[in-house]
Structures are given as C-alpha cells and as structure tokens.
Amino acid sequence: MHGNNKLGKYRLMRKDRTTARHLPPTALASLKTVRDMLRRYSAVYIKPSHGTGGYGIFKLSRFKGGYQLRHGTRSRFYPKLEQAYAAFNKARANKTYLVQMGIPLLRYKRRPFDLRVMVQRNPKGAWEATGIVGRLAMPNKIVTNYHNGGKPMPADTLLSTAVSSARHRGYRGQLEGLALRVSRHLSGYFPRFRAYGVDIGIDRSLKPWIIEVNSRPDRSIFNTLSDKRMYRKIMAYSRLSKASSPVVRKASRKRS
C-alpha cells in the first residue's frame, strides 16, 4: 500500500519505466543511506516525506575537508559526516525524512531554478497541461518554493538561458508530456485527484528530473505572472472540477 506522500508517490512512479528514468534516486533518510548517496553524488537533499512549501529541507554537500549542512539561509561546516548527520537528526523533530540526489540545477543570474507544471482534468475528463511557471531561488537559499521565498517567473524567460529559440517549443512540449505521463500514471492509484503540480528540475545537460508531485497544487503562483491566461484557464478548470465532484453534487441535491 502506497500513501499519498513523497515516498509513496516516488515508489509508484518507479513502476512506470519511462517515468523512472527521470526520478532522482531517493530513499528513507538514515546515516547509512545518506553516506551511500554521498559516495555517488557531491550533494543530497534531505526532505520531509510529508509537507509542502519547501519547509524543513536540508542540503548536505561533500567537500574535500568535510561536509556542509545548509538549512534555510544558515550553513555550517563539519569535518565528519557523523557530525553533520547528528546536527540534522537533532533538528528533524522525529519526522520521517527522505534523502534525494542533489540535482545540479540550471541557473538564471547565478541562482538555481526549477519549474512547476500544472496538470488538470479538462472538460472532457482528459488530463491536460494547463500551465507552466518557473521558480527562482532567493539568494543564498536552497529551495525554490514560492511560499519559501522563491520568485515566480515566466518559464520561457528562465529556459531561454539554456535552450535555443529553435528548440524551445519542442523542449517545453517534452516537459509538459512528462508531467502528463506522471499524472496519468498516478491517477490510476489516486483517482479522486483532478489536478497535479509536477515539479521538474533541469540539470546542465538539459535532462528533466521529477523532484516531486503535489496532489493539492497551489494555483496562486500563476496569478503572480503578468500574463493571466494560464491562471484564468487553471481557475476555470478548477471550478469545473469542484462542480462535477460527487461531494458537491450530493450537497446540491440536499439544498434543492
């Protein structure tokens, strides 16, 4: 049985062979799993399995002289991994945490960014990518989340630094196609959800990575963009989903 949390959805997405190629290695966090992953990668993210908004996330990086642990805008260096992990362990407050490969994200003006793709059921009941927005990390912060200081920006602006204009439209379509595949796959396990927010990070070789998938995605980030067309479409589909849900229909019959 897989729960609707980061680890549960990660395990479900691994069942789809195509999607699995875009998942950064992820495991329950322990000293052993963190050590094993840092042997393969120079940095890892340690994040709560439950929770949204980028809160409670740590970044642990391996350097020649030791390990750097970052949380929010705070940073501390430890000569031994055991010391860095103990500091994290003290702050985790008994929550279940995951360790995930650190993706060397593309940057815009020296700051990392990722993308949120909104996928919703359209009026015909089919999944449709209704919006894509970039999230630019604040200076000295390790997360890009909007409610944790990330700056919403047009995805095209951020992608233009790495993707040529001739390739841009096709590459954006590739990202939307990946988000659609993920949403269709997860809907087989969670049929009640009618929208997903798929967070995609892009590395320096332009490979897209699925960082996580939100089953209750925030819509307000799209309203921050000057072009409101995506936001209006997202809100129209959201109202349609509420009107067609069994709970709403049942309540309507009681009032009539």
C-alpha atoms as a PDB file:
ATOM      1  CA  MET A   1       0.000   0.000   0.000  1.00  0.00           C
ATOM      2  CA  HIS A   2       1.413   3.381  -1.010  1.00  0.00           C
ATOM      3  CA  GLY A   3       0.421   6.555   0.807  1.00  0.00           C
ATOM      4  CA  ASN A   4      -0.088   9.990  -0.671  1.00  0.00           C
ATOM      5  CA  ASN A   5       3.291  11.280   0.489  1.00  0.00           C
ATOM      6  CA  LYS A   6       6.633  11.892  -1.197  1.00  0.00           C
ATOM      7  CA  LEU A   7       7.979   8.390  -0.632  1.00  0.00           C
ATOM      8  CA  GLY A   8       4.718   6.677  -1.614  1.00  0.00           C
ATOM      9  CA  LYS A   9       4.430   8.621  -4.858  1.00  0.00           C
ATOM     10  CA  TYR A  10       8.112   8.067  -5.641  1.00  0.00           C
ATOM     11  CA  ARG A  11       7.648   4.297  -5.337  1.00  0.00           C
ATOM     12  CA  LEU A  12       4.548   4.411  -7.521  1.00  0.00           C
ATOM     13  CA  MET A  13       6.264   6.479 -10.212  1.00  0.00           C
ATOM     14  CA  ARG A  14       9.119   3.982 -10.340  1.00  0.00           C
ATOM     15  CA  LYS A  15       6.626   1.396 -11.609  1.00  0.00           C
ATOM     16  CA  ASP A  16       6.474   3.273 -14.925  1.00  0.00           C
ATOM     17  CA  ARG A  17       9.701   2.561 -16.822  1.00  0.00           C
ATOM     18  CA  THR A  18       9.761   5.837 -18.748  1.00  0.00           C
ATOM     19  CA  THR A  19       8.998   7.971 -15.697  1.00  0.00           C
ATOM     20  CA  ALA A  20      11.576   6.092 -13.607  1.00  0.00           C
ATOM     21  CA  ARG A  21      14.389   7.397 -15.834  1.00  0.00           C
ATOM     22  CA  HIS A  22      13.539  10.924 -14.673  1.00  0.00           C
ATOM     23  CA  LEU A  23      13.417  10.239 -10.927  1.00  0.00           C
ATOM     24  CA  PRO A  24      16.415  11.251  -8.815  1.00  0.00           C
ATOM     25  CA  PRO A  25      17.440   8.341  -6.538  1.00  0.00           C
ATOM     26  CA  THR A  26      15.504   8.661  -3.275  1.00  0.00           C
ATOM     27  CA  ALA A  27      15.431   6.625  -0.034  1.00  0.00           C
ATOM     28  CA  LEU A  28      14.401   6.874   3.596  1.00  0.00           C
ATOM     29  CA  ALA A  29      16.996   9.005   5.346  1.00  0.00           C
ATOM     30  CA  SER A  30      19.398   7.283   7.711  1.00  0.00           C
ATOM     31  CA  LEU A  31      23.100   7.691   8.327  1.00  0.00           C
ATOM     32  CA  LYS A  32      23.725   4.699   6.062  1.00  0.00           C
ATOM     33  CA  THR A  33      21.579   5.874   3.135  1.00  0.00           C
ATOM     34  CA  VAL A  34      22.957   9.413   3.370  1.00  0.00           C
ATOM     35  CA  ARG A  35      26.527   8.069   3.395  1.00  0.00           C
ATOM     36  CA  ASP A  36      25.852   5.734   0.470  1.00  0.00           C
ATOM     37  CA  MET A  37      24.327   8.503  -1.608  1.00  0.00           C
ATOM     38  CA  LEU A  38      27.118  10.967  -0.841  1.00  0.00           C
ATOM     39  CA  ARG A  39      29.605   8.402  -2.129  1.00  0.00           C
ATOM     40  CA  ARG A  40      27.908   8.686  -5.529  1.00  0.00           C
ATOM     41  CA  TYR A  41      26.875  12.346  -5.581  1.00  0.00           C
ATOM     42  CA  SER A  42      28.511  15.517  -4.320  1.00  0.00           C
ATOM     43  CA  ALA A  43      25.297  16.768  -2.702  1.00  0.00           C
ATOM     44  CA  VAL A  44      21.981  15.438  -1.411  1.00  0.00           C
ATOM     45  CA  TYR A  45      18.729  16.961  -0.241  1.00  0.00           C
ATOM     46  CA  ILE A  46      17.148  15.672   2.951  1.00  0.00           C
ATOM     47  CA  LYS A  47      13.444  16.448   2.978  1.00  0.00           C
ATOM     48  CA  PRO A  48      10.343  15.501   5.000  1.00  0.00           C
ATOM     49  CA  SER A  49       8.174  12.816   3.389  1.00  0.00           C
ATOM     50  CA  HIS A  50       5.100  14.825   4.401  1.00  0.00           C
ATOM     51  CA  GLY A  51       4.834  18.555   3.962  1.00  0.00           C
ATOM     52  CA  THR A  52       4.804  21.246   1.306  1.00  0.00           C
ATOM     53  CA  GLY A  53       6.254  24.669   0.631  1.00  0.00           C
ATOM     54  CA  GLY A  54       9.885  23.629   0.880  1.00  0.00           C
ATOM     55  CA  TYR A  55       9.857  23.817   4.682  1.00  0.00           C
ATOM     56  CA  GLY A  56      12.185  21.587   6.687  1.00  0.00           C
ATOM     57  CA  ILE A  57      14.529  20.819   3.776  1.00  0.00           C
ATOM     58  CA  PHE A  58      18.284  20.418   4.305  1.00  0.00           C
ATOM     59  CA  LYS A  59      21.091  20.281   1.767  1.00  0.00           C
ATOM     60  CA  LEU A  60      24.202  18.269   2.626  1.00  0.00           C
ATOM     61  CA  SER A  61      27.265  18.679   0.398  1.00  0.00           C
ATOM     62  CA  ARG A  62      30.538  16.778   0.351  1.00  0.00           C
ATOM     63  CA  PHE A  63      33.804  18.714   0.145  1.00  0.00           C
ATOM     64  CA  LYS A  64      37.451  17.700   0.381  1.00  0.00           C
ATOM     65  CA  GLY A  65      37.743  18.802   4.009  1.00  0.00           C
ATOM     66  CA  GLY A  66      34.347  17.751   5.275  1.00  0.00           C
ATOM     67  CA  TYR A  67      30.606  18.344   4.887  1.00  0.00           C
ATOM     68  CA  GLN A  68      28.424  21.432   4.614  1.00  0.00           C
ATOM     69  CA  LEU A  69      24.895  21.318   6.048  1.00  0.00           C
ATOM     70  CA  ARG A  70      22.512  24.045   4.871  1.00  0.00           C
ATOM     71  CA  HIS A  71      19.010  24.820   6.090  1.00  0.00           C
ATOM     72  CA  GLY A  72      17.162  27.980   5.060  1.00  0.00           C
ATOM     73  CA  THR A  73      19.882  30.622   4.817  1.00  0.00           C
ATOM     74  CA  ARG A  74      22.003  29.007   7.549  1.00  0.00           C
ATOM     75  CA  SER A  75      25.107  26.986   6.790  1.00  0.00           C
ATOM     76  CA  ARG A  76      27.594  25.070   8.920  1.00  0.00           C
ATOM     77  CA  PHE A  77      30.657  23.004   8.093  1.00  0.00           C
ATOM     78  CA  TYR A  78      31.531  19.699   9.800  1.00  0.00           C
ATOM     79  CA  PRO A  79      34.738  17.697   9.406  1.00  0.00           C
ATOM     80  CA  LYS A  80      32.885  14.362   9.691  1.00  0.00           C
ATOM     81  CA  LEU A  81      29.659  13.096   8.170  1.00  0.00           C
ATOM     82  CA  GLU A  82      28.510  11.702  11.516  1.00  0.00           C
ATOM     83  CA  GLN A  83      28.640  15.205  12.992  1.00  0.00           C
ATOM     84  CA  ALA A  84      26.648  16.732  10.135  1.00  0.00           C
ATOM     85  CA  TYR A  85      24.058  13.981  10.305  1.00  0.00           C
ATOM     86  CA  ALA A  86      23.748  14.355  14.085  1.00  0.00           C
ATOM     87  CA  ALA A  87      23.006  18.073  13.632  1.00  0.00           C
ATOM     88  CA  PHE A  88      20.302  17.258  11.092  1.00  0.00           C
ATOM     89  CA  ASN A  89      18.934  14.462  13.279  1.00  0.00           C
ATOM     90  CA  LYS A  90      18.570  16.845  16.209  1.00  0.00           C
ATOM     91  CA  ALA A  91      16.515  19.266  14.104  1.00  0.00           C
ATOM     92  CA  ARG A  92      14.240  16.724  12.381  1.00  0.00           C
ATOM     93  CA  ALA A  93      11.789  16.518  15.315  1.00  0.00           C
ATOM     94  CA  ASN A  94      11.061  12.790  14.842  1.00  0.00           C
ATOM     95  CA  LYS A  95       9.626  13.367  11.357  1.00  0.00           C
ATOM     96  CA  THR A  96      10.097  10.862   8.535  1.00  0.00           C
ATOM     97  CA  TYR A  97      12.734  12.198   6.148  1.00  0.00           C
ATOM     98  CA  LEU A  98      13.966  11.183   2.701  1.00  0.00           C
ATOM     99  CA  VAL A  99      17.380  11.619   1.163  1.00  0.00           C
ATOM    100  CA  GLN A 100      17.444  12.519  -2.521  1.00  0.00           C
ATOM    101  CA  MET A 101      20.204  13.045  -5.058  1.00  0.00           C
ATOM    102  CA  GLY A 102      21.070  16.710  -5.381  1.00  0.00           C
ATOM    103  CA  ILE A 103      20.310  17.844  -8.922  1.00  0.00           C
ATOM    104  CA  PRO A 104      22.796  20.398 -10.333  1.00  0.00           C
ATOM    105  CA  LEU A 105      20.008  22.726 -11.453  1.00  0.00           C
ATOM    106  CA  LEU A 106      20.185  25.196 -14.288  1.00  0.00           C
ATOM    107  CA  ARG A 107      20.757  28.747 -13.114  1.00  0.00           C
ATOM    108  CA  TYR A 108      19.442  32.148 -14.020  1.00  0.00           C
ATOM    109  CA  LYS A 109      21.674  35.046 -12.942  1.00  0.00           C
ATOM    110  CA  ARG A 110      23.611  32.600 -10.751  1.00  0.00           C
ATOM    111  CA  ARG A 111      20.507  31.436  -8.891  1.00  0.00           C
ATOM    112  CA  PRO A 112      19.024  27.920  -9.333  1.00  0.00           C
ATOM    113  CA  PHE A 113      15.521  27.463 -10.673  1.00  0.00           C
ATOM    114  CA  ASP A 114      13.008  24.724 -11.347  1.00  0.00           C
ATOM    115  CA  LEU A 115       9.587  24.551 -12.988  1.00  0.00           C
ATOM    116  CA  ARG A 116       6.064  23.774 -11.815  1.00  0.00           C
ATOM    117  CA  VAL A 117       3.810  22.197 -14.443  1.00  0.00           C
ATOM    118  CA  MET A 118       0.092  22.242 -13.635  1.00  0.00           C
ATOM    119  CA  VAL A 119      -1.882  19.279 -14.990  1.00  0.00           C
ATOM    120  CA  GLN A 120      -5.697  19.127 -14.679  1.00  0.00           C
ATOM    121  CA  ARG A 121      -8.705  17.221 -15.902  1.00  0.00           C
ATOM    122  CA  ASN A 122     -10.219  19.200 -18.768  1.00  0.00           C
ATOM    123  CA  PRO A 123     -13.979  19.490 -19.538  1.00  0.00           C
ATOM    124  CA  LYS A 124     -13.832  16.134 -21.342  1.00  0.00           C
ATOM    125  CA  GLY A 125     -12.217  14.449 -18.357  1.00  0.00           C
ATOM    126  CA  ALA A 126      -8.818  14.016 -20.034  1.00  0.00           C
ATOM    127  CA  TRP A 127      -5.573  15.173 -18.452  1.00  0.00           C
ATOM    128  CA  GLU A 128      -4.227  18.440 -19.857  1.00  0.00           C
ATOM    129  CA  ALA A 129      -1.160  20.553 -19.044  1.00  0.00           C
ATOM    130  CA  THR A 130      -2.732  23.923 -18.256  1.00  0.00           C
ATOM    131  CA  GLY A 131       0.242  25.944 -17.069  1.00  0.00           C
ATOM    132  CA  ILE A 132       3.992  26.071 -16.534  1.00  0.00           C
ATOM    133  CA  VAL A 133       5.823  28.559 -14.338  1.00  0.00           C
ATOM    134  CA  GLY A 134       9.419  28.978 -13.246  1.00  0.00           C
ATOM    135  CA  ARG A 135      10.542  29.303  -9.616  1.00  0.00           C
ATOM    136  CA  LEU A 136      13.803  31.129  -8.983  1.00  0.00           C
ATOM    137  CA  ALA A 137      15.512  30.587  -5.622  1.00  0.00           C
ATOM    138  CA  MET A 138      16.231  33.558  -3.395  1.00  0.00           C
ATOM    139  CA  PRO A 139      19.921  34.412  -2.963  1.00  0.00           C
ATOM    140  CA  ASN A 140      21.598  32.001  -0.510  1.00  0.00           C
ATOM    141  CA  LYS A 141      18.511  29.763  -0.261  1.00  0.00           C
ATOM    142  CA  ILE A 142      18.462  26.063  -1.161  1.00  0.00           C
ATOM    143  CA  VAL A 143      14.767  25.837  -2.169  1.00  0.00           C
ATOM    144  CA  THR A 144      12.769  27.475  -4.946  1.00  0.00           C
ATOM    145  CA  ASN A 145       9.259  27.124  -3.461  1.00  0.00           C
ATOM    146  CA  TYR A 146       7.025  30.168  -3.866  1.00  0.00           C
ATOM    147  CA  HIS A 147       5.885  30.191  -0.230  1.00  0.00           C
ATOM    148  CA  ASN A 148       9.501  29.917   0.924  1.00  0.00           C
ATOM    149  CA  GLY A 149      10.742  32.961  -0.943  1.00  0.00           C
ATOM    150  CA  GLY A 150      11.069  31.580  -4.471  1.00  0.00           C
ATOM    151  CA  LYS A 151      10.390  34.138  -7.192  1.00  0.00           C
ATOM    152  CA  PRO A 152       7.777  33.115  -9.808  1.00  0.00           C
ATOM    153  CA  MET A 153       8.938  33.879 -13.337  1.00  0.00           C
ATOM    154  CA  PRO A 154       7.831  33.002 -16.875  1.00  0.00           C
ATOM    155  CA  ALA A 155       9.250  29.597 -17.726  1.00  0.00           C
ATOM    156  CA  ASP A 156      10.278  30.842 -21.172  1.00  0.00           C
ATOM    157  CA  THR A 157      12.490  33.532 -19.630  1.00  0.00           C
ATOM    158  CA  LEU A 158      14.358  31.027 -17.463  1.00  0.00           C
ATOM    159  CA  LEU A 159      14.674  28.391 -20.175  1.00  0.00           C
ATOM    160  CA  SER A 160      15.997  30.900 -22.722  1.00  0.00           C
ATOM    161  CA  THR A 161      19.363  30.909 -20.939  1.00  0.00           C
ATOM    162  CA  ALA A 162      19.962  27.254 -21.864  1.00  0.00           C
ATOM    163  CA  VAL A 163      17.571  26.291 -24.676  1.00  0.00           C
ATOM    164  CA  SER A 164      17.863  27.833 -28.133  1.00  0.00           C
ATOM    165  CA  SER A 165      14.850  29.587 -29.617  1.00  0.00           C
ATOM    166  CA  ALA A 166      14.652  26.971 -32.394  1.00  0.00           C
ATOM    167  CA  ARG A 167      14.430  24.168 -29.837  1.00  0.00           C
ATOM    168  CA  HIS A 168      12.383  25.976 -27.220  1.00  0.00           C
ATOM    169  CA  ARG A 169       8.863  24.974 -28.236  1.00  0.00           C
ATOM    170  CA  GLY A 170       9.731  21.291 -28.622  1.00  0.00           C
ATOM    171  CA  TYR A 171      11.599  21.199 -25.309  1.00  0.00           C
ATOM    172  CA  ARG A 172       8.717  22.795 -23.455  1.00  0.00           C
ATOM    173  CA  GLY A 173       6.411  20.215 -25.031  1.00  0.00           C
ATOM    174  CA  GLN A 174       8.735  17.486 -23.730  1.00  0.00           C
ATOM    175  CA  LEU A 175       8.389  18.822 -20.177  1.00  0.00           C
ATOM    176  CA  GLU A 176       4.613  19.014 -20.443  1.00  0.00           C
ATOM    177  CA  GLY A 177       4.495  15.496 -21.885  1.00  0.00           C
ATOM    178  CA  LEU A 178       6.489  14.172 -18.934  1.00  0.00           C
ATOM    179  CA  ALA A 179       4.142  15.875 -16.467  1.00  0.00           C
ATOM    180  CA  LEU A 180       1.131  14.428 -18.288  1.00  0.00           C
ATOM    181  CA  ARG A 181       2.573  10.914 -18.191  1.00  0.00           C
ATOM    182  CA  VAL A 182       3.213  11.198 -14.448  1.00  0.00           C
ATOM    183  CA  SER A 183      -0.315  12.485 -13.783  1.00  0.00           C
ATOM    184  CA  ARG A 184      -1.991   9.755 -15.821  1.00  0.00           C
ATOM    185  CA  HIS A 185       0.089   7.123 -14.031  1.00  0.00           C
ATOM    186  CA  LEU A 186      -0.643   8.419 -10.529  1.00  0.00           C
ATOM    187  CA  SER A 187      -4.344   8.866 -11.256  1.00  0.00           C
ATOM    188  CA  GLY A 188      -4.591   5.078 -11.535  1.00  0.00           C
ATOM    189  CA  TYR A 189      -3.722   4.904  -7.821  1.00  0.00           C
ATOM    190  CA  PHE A 190      -5.343   8.163  -6.640  1.00  0.00           C
ATOM    191  CA  PRO A 191      -8.439   8.550  -8.842  1.00  0.00           C
ATOM    192  CA  ARG A 192     -10.065  11.246  -6.700  1.00  0.00           C
ATOM    193  CA  PHE A 193      -7.454  13.885  -7.514  1.00  0.00           C
ATOM    194  CA  ARG A 194      -8.246  16.060 -10.517  1.00  0.00           C
ATOM    195  CA  ALA A 195      -5.061  18.165 -10.547  1.00  0.00           C
ATOM    196  CA  TYR A 196      -1.346  17.645 -10.016  1.00  0.00           C
ATOM    197  CA  GLY A 197       1.524  20.086  -9.673  1.00  0.00           C
ATOM    198  CA  VAL A 198       4.624  18.405 -11.118  1.00  0.00           C
ATOM    199  CA  ASP A 199       7.905  19.980 -10.013  1.00  0.00           C
ATOM    200  CA  ILE A 200      10.655  19.479 -12.576  1.00  0.00           C
ATOM    201  CA  GLY A 201      14.319  20.319 -12.173  1.00  0.00           C
ATOM    202  CA  ILE A 202      16.607  20.521 -15.199  1.00  0.00           C
ATOM    203  CA  ASP A 203      20.295  19.700 -14.972  1.00  0.00           C
ATOM    204  CA  ARG A 204      23.097  21.228 -17.001  1.00  0.00           C
ATOM    205  CA  SER A 205      22.785  18.592 -19.723  1.00  0.00           C
ATOM    206  CA  LEU A 206      19.088  19.599 -20.044  1.00  0.00           C
ATOM    207  CA  LYS A 207      17.790  16.326 -18.599  1.00  0.00           C
ATOM    208  CA  PRO A 208      14.491  16.903 -16.758  1.00  0.00           C
ATOM    209  CA  TRP A 209      14.124  15.373 -13.291  1.00  0.00           C
ATOM    210  CA  ILE A 210      10.845  14.934 -11.400  1.00  0.00           C
ATOM    211  CA  ILE A 211      11.592  16.432  -7.994  1.00  0.00           C
ATOM    212  CA  GLU A 212       8.143  15.720  -6.574  1.00  0.00           C
ATOM    213  CA  VAL A 213       4.439  15.713  -7.407  1.00  0.00           C
ATOM    214  CA  ASN A 214       1.819  17.643  -5.451  1.00  0.00           C
ATOM    215  CA  SER A 215      -1.759  16.354  -5.358  1.00  0.00           C
ATOM    216  CA  ARG A 216      -3.102  19.644  -3.963  1.00  0.00           C
ATOM    217  CA  PRO A 217      -1.133  22.133  -6.065  1.00  0.00           C
ATOM    218  CA  ASP A 218      -1.147  25.835  -5.291  1.00  0.00           C
ATOM    219  CA  ARG A 219      -2.804  27.874  -8.033  1.00  0.00           C
ATOM    220  CA  SER A 220      -1.922  31.353  -6.766  1.00  0.00           C
ATOM    221  CA  ILE A 221       1.642  31.211  -8.116  1.00  0.00           C
ATOM    222  CA  PHE A 222       0.248  31.531 -11.661  1.00  0.00           C
ATOM    223  CA  ASN A 223      -1.600  34.710 -10.670  1.00  0.00           C
ATOM    224  CA  THR A 224       1.722  36.431  -9.972  1.00  0.00           C
ATOM    225  CA  LEU A 225       2.625  36.375 -13.675  1.00  0.00           C
ATOM    226  CA  SER A 226       1.743  39.441 -15.734  1.00  0.00           C
ATOM    227  CA  ASP A 227       0.164  37.214 -18.398  1.00  0.00           C
ATOM    228  CA  LYS A 228      -3.017  35.909 -16.726  1.00  0.00           C
ATOM    229  CA  ARG A 229      -4.124  33.487 -19.448  1.00  0.00           C
ATOM    230  CA  MET A 230      -2.756  30.388 -17.724  1.00  0.00           C
ATOM    231  CA  TYR A 231      -4.215  31.446 -14.383  1.00  0.00           C
ATOM    232  CA  ARG A 232      -7.665  32.033 -15.864  1.00  0.00           C
ATOM    233  CA  LYS A 233      -7.648  28.616 -17.520  1.00  0.00           C
ATOM    234  CA  ILE A 234      -6.438  26.893 -14.355  1.00  0.00           C
ATOM    235  CA  MET A 235      -9.165  28.548 -12.289  1.00  0.00           C
ATOM    236  CA  ALA A 236     -11.849  27.707 -14.872  1.00  0.00           C
ATOM    237  CA  TYR A 237     -10.860  24.026 -14.807  1.00  0.00           C
ATOM    238  CA  SER A 238     -10.683  24.106 -11.009  1.00  0.00           C
ATOM    239  CA  ARG A 239     -14.259  25.432 -10.740  1.00  0.00           C
ATOM    240  CA  LEU A 240     -15.394  22.801 -13.201  1.00  0.00           C
ATOM    241  CA  SER A 241     -13.779  20.052 -11.112  1.00  0.00           C
ATOM    242  CA  LYS A 242     -15.490  21.269  -7.938  1.00  0.00           C
ATOM    243  CA  ALA A 243     -18.874  21.450  -9.668  1.00  0.00           C
ATOM    244  CA  SER A 244     -18.544  17.911 -11.022  1.00  0.00           C
ATOM    245  CA  SER A 245     -17.268  16.252  -7.825  1.00  0.00           C
ATOM    246  CA  PRO A 246     -19.602  13.736  -6.108  1.00  0.00           C
ATOM    247  CA  VAL A 247     -19.466  15.680  -2.832  1.00  0.00           C
ATOM    248  CA  VAL A 248     -20.655  18.885  -4.460  1.00  0.00           C
ATOM    249  CA  ARG A 249     -23.408  17.120  -6.423  1.00  0.00           C
ATOM    250  CA  LYS A 250     -24.675  15.417  -3.267  1.00  0.00           C
ATOM    251  CA  ALA A 251     -24.751  18.716  -1.388  1.00  0.00           C
ATOM    252  CA  SER A 252     -26.612  20.378  -4.258  1.00  0.00           C
ATOM    253  CA  ARG A 253     -29.340  17.711  -4.196  1.00  0.00           C
ATOM    254  CA  LYS A 254     -29.843  18.279  -0.453  1.00  0.00           C
ATOM    255  CA  ARG A 255     -30.368  22.023  -0.948  1.00  0.00           C
ATOM    256  CA  SER A 256     -32.895  21.603  -3.786  1.00  0.00           C
END
